């Protein structure tokens, strides 16, 4: 009898616990099937080529290639991979090795200054709203994170945003809803699956902001060139990871009608 009472109480407590909200698409959408890595690689290369032909894509690619090329050259020089440049001595200030190390350091320093000074306005903007969120009062905290969600609408999701209606848009939600960014016109587009992405963990916003404002010491450019490259990229990698989780894997139009039916308001990532 006691065992039966314990079982009933356990079942009752399980019923009282809040169950996670699960939504299923009811309008016929089915996710695309998995494709071989060769096909996904071809899709990625086509998308990269399309982006590369744009002015921004061309300039960013050229910048990255310069960083890789000059950084690789500096690495080889520091490893003394060209003994013929050690004349009269490897550590002589007038040797070709030391001259090219200095030239390489100056070029890399200027390349990093391009991103450091060029992106400074956006970084200070993020730092300003981050300060509202982390060290502001109760009202400022909510305003700060909602502003950041509007700026980073591609990957940052607010707490409670997964409970919004499937077709939530700027015209159907309240601008005072804490699960909606500021301005509310920056609300993410309705997902084609009808299932909203889960809220983003708060530490990821801290990670992106602080990795972006990291100040690289000029005197250590050569010593920490590899670490500086990592610091410059980890924030972007974090954002890219969450964007992929939100938007899903790109697919091609070819054969799309065979396995999916899209609603008129849905969007497909191509």
Protein backbone atom coordinates (compact mmCIF):
# COMPACT_ATOMS: atom_id res chain seq x y z
CA UNK A 1 0.00 0.00 0.00
CA UNK A 2 2.79 2.39 0.86
CA UNK A 3 4.47 1.64 -2.46
CA UNK A 4 1.24 2.41 -4.30
CA UNK A 5 0.86 5.72 -2.45
CA UNK A 6 4.44 6.69 -3.29
CA UNK A 7 3.83 5.87 -6.95
CA UNK A 8 0.66 7.98 -7.02
CA UNK A 9 2.45 10.91 -5.36
CA UNK A 10 5.35 10.63 -7.83
CA UNK A 11 2.94 10.59 -10.78
CA UNK A 12 1.10 13.60 -9.37
CA UNK A 13 4.35 15.56 -8.90
CA UNK A 14 5.38 14.73 -12.47
CA UNK A 15 2.08 16.13 -13.75
CA UNK A 16 2.56 19.34 -11.78
CA UNK A 17 6.01 20.00 -13.28
CA UNK A 18 6.01 22.43 -16.24
CA UNK A 19 6.49 20.51 -19.45
CA UNK A 20 8.63 21.94 -22.27
CA UNK A 21 6.71 23.50 -25.13
CA UNK A 22 7.00 21.53 -28.36
CA UNK A 23 5.57 22.70 -31.66
CA UNK A 24 5.03 20.76 -34.81
CA UNK A 25 4.55 22.20 -38.25
CA UNK A 26 0.95 21.61 -39.38
CA UNK A 27 1.15 23.00 -42.90
CA UNK A 28 3.13 20.23 -44.60
CA UNK A 29 6.69 21.40 -44.15
CA UNK A 30 9.31 18.68 -43.96
CA UNK A 31 12.99 19.41 -43.37
CA UNK A 32 15.33 18.64 -46.28
CA UNK A 33 17.12 15.28 -46.13
CA UNK A 34 20.77 14.98 -45.24
CA UNK A 35 23.11 15.23 -48.20
CA UNK A 36 26.63 13.79 -48.70
CA UNK A 37 29.57 15.94 -47.64
CA UNK A 38 30.57 16.37 -51.29
CA UNK A 39 27.20 17.93 -52.09
CA UNK A 40 27.24 20.18 -49.03
CA UNK A 41 30.79 21.26 -49.91
CA UNK A 42 29.72 22.13 -53.45
CA UNK A 43 26.81 24.16 -52.08
CA UNK A 44 29.16 26.01 -49.73
CA UNK A 45 31.63 26.78 -52.51
CA UNK A 46 28.87 28.13 -54.76
CA UNK A 47 27.60 30.33 -51.93
CA UNK A 48 31.14 31.57 -51.24
CA UNK A 49 31.71 32.39 -54.92
CA UNK A 50 28.45 34.34 -55.06
CA UNK A 51 29.51 36.30 -51.96
CA UNK A 52 33.08 36.74 -53.27
CA UNK A 53 31.78 38.57 -56.37
CA UNK A 54 30.29 41.31 -54.20
CA UNK A 55 32.49 44.32 -53.29
CA UNK A 56 32.42 43.48 -49.59
CA UNK A 57 33.19 39.81 -50.24
CA UNK A 58 36.12 40.64 -52.50
CA UNK A 59 37.68 43.12 -50.06
CA UNK A 60 37.22 40.86 -47.02
CA UNK A 61 38.72 37.90 -48.89
CA UNK A 62 41.66 40.02 -50.01
CA UNK A 63 42.20 41.22 -46.43
CA UNK A 64 42.12 37.67 -45.03
CA UNK A 65 44.55 36.42 -47.66
CA UNK A 66 46.98 39.22 -46.76
CA UNK A 67 46.78 38.33 -43.06
CA UNK A 68 47.39 34.65 -43.82
CA UNK A 69 50.24 35.36 -46.26
CA UNK A 70 52.14 37.88 -44.11
CA UNK A 71 51.45 35.89 -40.95
CA UNK A 72 52.81 32.74 -42.59
CA UNK A 73 55.88 34.59 -43.79
CA UNK A 74 56.53 35.92 -40.28
CA UNK A 75 56.16 32.43 -38.83
CA UNK A 76 58.72 31.04 -41.28
CA UNK A 77 61.14 33.89 -40.56
CA UNK A 78 60.85 33.38 -36.80
CA UNK A 79 61.48 29.66 -37.32
CA UNK A 80 64.60 30.55 -39.32
CA UNK A 81 63.30 28.66 -42.36
CA UNK A 82 65.59 30.68 -44.70
CA UNK A 83 69.21 30.37 -43.45
CA UNK A 84 70.45 32.20 -46.56
CA UNK A 85 68.95 35.41 -45.10
CA UNK A 86 71.22 35.18 -42.03
CA UNK A 87 74.03 37.35 -43.34
CA UNK A 88 76.28 38.16 -41.59
CA UNK A 89 74.33 36.74 -38.64
CA UNK A 90 70.71 35.72 -37.99
CA UNK A 91 70.33 38.26 -35.19
CA UNK A 92 72.21 41.08 -36.88
CA UNK A 93 70.01 44.15 -37.25
CA UNK A 94 71.17 44.65 -40.84
CA UNK A 95 70.63 41.03 -41.92
CA UNK A 96 67.87 40.40 -44.48
CA UNK A 97 66.10 38.21 -41.92
CA UNK A 98 65.76 40.96 -39.29
CA UNK A 99 64.86 43.57 -41.93
CA UNK A 100 62.02 41.44 -43.31
CA UNK A 101 60.82 40.56 -39.81
CA UNK A 102 60.47 44.28 -39.10
CA UNK A 103 58.69 44.89 -42.41
CA UNK A 104 56.39 41.94 -41.75
CA UNK A 105 55.55 43.16 -38.25
CA UNK A 106 54.68 46.63 -39.49
CA UNK A 107 52.42 45.28 -42.24
CA UNK A 108 50.60 42.92 -39.84
CA UNK A 109 50.24 45.72 -37.32
CA UNK A 110 48.60 47.91 -39.97
CA UNK A 111 46.34 45.07 -41.10
CA UNK A 112 45.09 44.54 -37.56
CA UNK A 113 44.63 48.29 -37.15
CA UNK A 114 42.21 48.21 -40.10
CA UNK A 115 39.81 46.03 -38.15
CA UNK A 116 40.67 47.62 -34.81
CA UNK A 117 39.91 51.21 -35.86
CA UNK A 118 37.47 50.43 -38.66
CA UNK A 119 35.14 48.41 -36.46
CA UNK A 120 35.60 50.60 -33.37
CA UNK A 121 32.23 52.44 -33.70
CA UNK A 122 30.28 49.16 -33.81
CA UNK A 123 32.33 47.67 -30.97
CA UNK A 124 31.79 50.68 -28.72
CA UNK A 125 28.07 50.56 -29.60
CA UNK A 126 27.88 46.93 -28.47
CA UNK A 127 29.93 47.71 -25.35
CA UNK A 128 27.59 50.61 -24.48
CA UNK A 129 24.43 48.46 -24.58
CA UNK A 130 26.29 45.59 -22.90
CA UNK A 131 27.03 47.96 -20.02
CA UNK A 132 23.32 48.81 -19.75
CA UNK A 133 22.53 45.11 -19.58
CA UNK A 134 25.21 43.97 -17.13
CA UNK A 135 25.74 46.92 -14.78
CA UNK A 136 22.56 48.98 -15.23
CA UNK A 137 19.41 49.10 -13.13
CA UNK A 138 16.47 46.69 -13.56
CA UNK A 139 14.90 48.73 -16.38
CA UNK A 140 18.21 49.35 -18.12
CA UNK A 141 19.12 45.65 -17.97
CA UNK A 142 16.09 44.71 -20.03
CA UNK A 143 16.58 47.59 -22.45
CA UNK A 144 20.25 46.73 -22.94
CA UNK A 145 19.77 43.08 -23.85
CA UNK A 146 16.78 43.91 -26.08
CA UNK A 147 18.90 46.49 -27.94
CA UNK A 148 21.64 43.90 -28.41
CA UNK A 149 19.06 41.42 -29.69
CA UNK A 150 17.94 43.97 -32.29
CA UNK A 151 21.54 44.58 -33.39
CA UNK A 152 22.40 40.87 -33.53
CA UNK A 153 19.00 39.62 -34.74
CA UNK A 154 20.68 37.00 -36.90
CA UNK A 155 21.75 34.84 -33.96
CA UNK A 156 20.79 36.32 -30.56
CA UNK A 157 17.42 35.11 -29.20
CA UNK A 158 15.83 36.63 -26.08
CA UNK A 159 14.39 34.61 -23.18
CA UNK A 160 10.79 33.74 -23.96
CA UNK A 161 11.16 34.29 -27.71
CA UNK A 162 10.57 30.58 -28.30
CA UNK A 163 7.04 31.02 -26.93
CA UNK A 164 6.06 33.70 -29.45
CA UNK A 165 3.44 32.80 -32.09
CA UNK A 166 4.69 31.02 -35.20
CA UNK A 167 3.90 34.02 -37.44
CA UNK A 168 5.12 36.71 -34.99
CA UNK A 169 6.08 39.92 -36.75
CA UNK A 170 6.48 43.63 -35.98
CA UNK A 171 2.78 44.19 -36.73
CA UNK A 172 1.49 41.40 -34.48
CA UNK A 173 3.59 41.75 -31.32
CA UNK A 174 3.73 44.41 -28.63
CA UNK A 175 6.77 46.67 -28.54
CA UNK A 176 6.75 46.29 -24.73
CA UNK A 177 7.12 42.50 -24.83
CA UNK A 178 10.47 41.60 -23.17
CA UNK A 179 10.87 38.71 -25.63
CA UNK A 180 10.93 41.18 -28.55
CA UNK A 181 14.03 43.23 -29.55
CA UNK A 182 14.23 47.04 -29.55
CA UNK A 183 13.13 48.38 -31.96
CA UNK A 184 10.44 45.73 -32.38
CA UNK A 185 10.80 45.99 -36.18
CA UNK A 186 14.02 43.97 -35.69
CA UNK A 187 12.10 40.90 -34.59
CA UNK A 188 13.50 37.77 -36.31
CA UNK A 189 11.66 36.51 -39.36
CA UNK A 190 9.16 33.67 -38.82
CA UNK A 191 10.95 30.32 -39.08
CA UNK A 192 9.85 28.15 -42.03
CA UNK A 193 9.55 25.13 -39.72
CA UNK A 194 7.16 26.95 -37.37
CA UNK A 195 9.52 26.18 -34.46
CA UNK A 196 11.44 29.07 -32.93
CA UNK A 197 15.09 28.69 -31.98
CA UNK A 198 15.76 28.35 -28.22
CA UNK A 199 16.90 31.43 -26.25
CA UNK A 200 20.62 32.21 -26.52
CA UNK A 201 22.69 31.63 -23.38
CA UNK A 202 23.67 34.99 -21.89
CA UNK A 203 27.39 34.17 -21.61
CA UNK A 204 27.62 34.02 -25.41
CA UNK A 205 26.85 37.74 -25.67
CA UNK A 206 29.57 38.45 -23.08
CA UNK A 207 31.95 36.27 -25.08
CA UNK A 208 31.31 38.11 -28.36
CA UNK A 209 31.56 41.61 -26.86
CA UNK A 210 34.78 41.05 -24.92
CA UNK A 211 36.50 39.16 -27.72
CA UNK A 212 35.74 42.05 -30.05
CA UNK A 213 37.24 44.76 -27.80
CA UNK A 214 40.42 42.91 -26.97
CA UNK A 215 43.36 45.31 -27.39
CA UNK A 216 46.38 43.66 -28.97
CA UNK A 217 49.70 45.05 -27.55
CA UNK A 218 51.77 46.50 -30.37
CA UNK A 219 55.07 45.38 -28.79
CA UNK A 220 53.94 41.74 -28.93
CA UNK A 221 52.57 41.62 -32.47
CA UNK A 222 55.17 39.15 -33.66
CA UNK A 223 55.07 36.98 -30.55
CA UNK A 224 51.28 36.77 -30.34
CA UNK A 225 50.36 36.94 -34.02
CA UNK A 226 48.72 33.52 -33.88
CA UNK A 227 46.82 34.37 -30.67
CA UNK A 228 45.74 37.73 -32.11
CA UNK A 229 44.29 35.99 -35.16
CA UNK A 230 42.38 33.60 -32.90
CA UNK A 231 41.06 36.47 -30.73
CA UNK A 232 39.90 38.33 -33.84
CA UNK A 233 38.01 35.29 -35.09
CA UNK A 234 36.49 33.53 -32.09
CA UNK A 235 33.69 36.08 -31.70
CA UNK A 236 32.75 35.63 -35.33
CA UNK A 237 32.93 31.85 -35.02
CA UNK A 238 30.54 31.97 -32.07
CA UNK A 239 28.09 34.11 -34.07
CA UNK A 240 28.42 31.83 -37.12
CA UNK A 241 27.68 28.76 -34.97
CA UNK A 242 24.50 30.27 -33.54
CA UNK A 243 23.38 31.58 -36.95
CA UNK A 244 23.62 28.05 -38.35
CA UNK A 245 21.62 26.75 -35.39
CA UNK A 246 18.93 29.37 -36.00
CA UNK A 247 18.73 29.29 -39.80
CA UNK A 248 19.57 25.66 -40.51
CA UNK A 249 21.62 24.15 -43.33
CA UNK A 250 21.45 25.76 -46.81
CA UNK A 251 19.75 23.70 -49.53
CA UNK A 252 19.34 23.97 -53.26
CA UNK A 253 16.16 24.64 -55.18
CA UNK A 254 16.80 21.51 -57.25
CA UNK A 255 14.49 18.76 -56.06
CA UNK A 256 13.00 20.96 -53.35
CA UNK A 257 9.40 20.32 -54.37
CA UNK A 258 9.88 16.60 -53.84
CA UNK A 259 10.24 16.78 -50.08
CA UNK A 260 8.98 20.13 -48.80
CA UNK A 261 5.98 22.40 -49.05
CA UNK A 262 6.65 25.98 -48.03
CA UNK A 263 4.01 28.34 -46.71
CA UNK A 264 3.79 31.78 -48.40
CA UNK A 265 5.36 33.60 -45.43
CA UNK A 266 8.15 31.11 -44.88
CA UNK A 267 11.74 31.73 -45.80
CA UNK A 268 14.26 29.24 -47.05
CA UNK A 269 17.94 29.82 -46.45
CA UNK A 270 19.80 29.52 -49.76
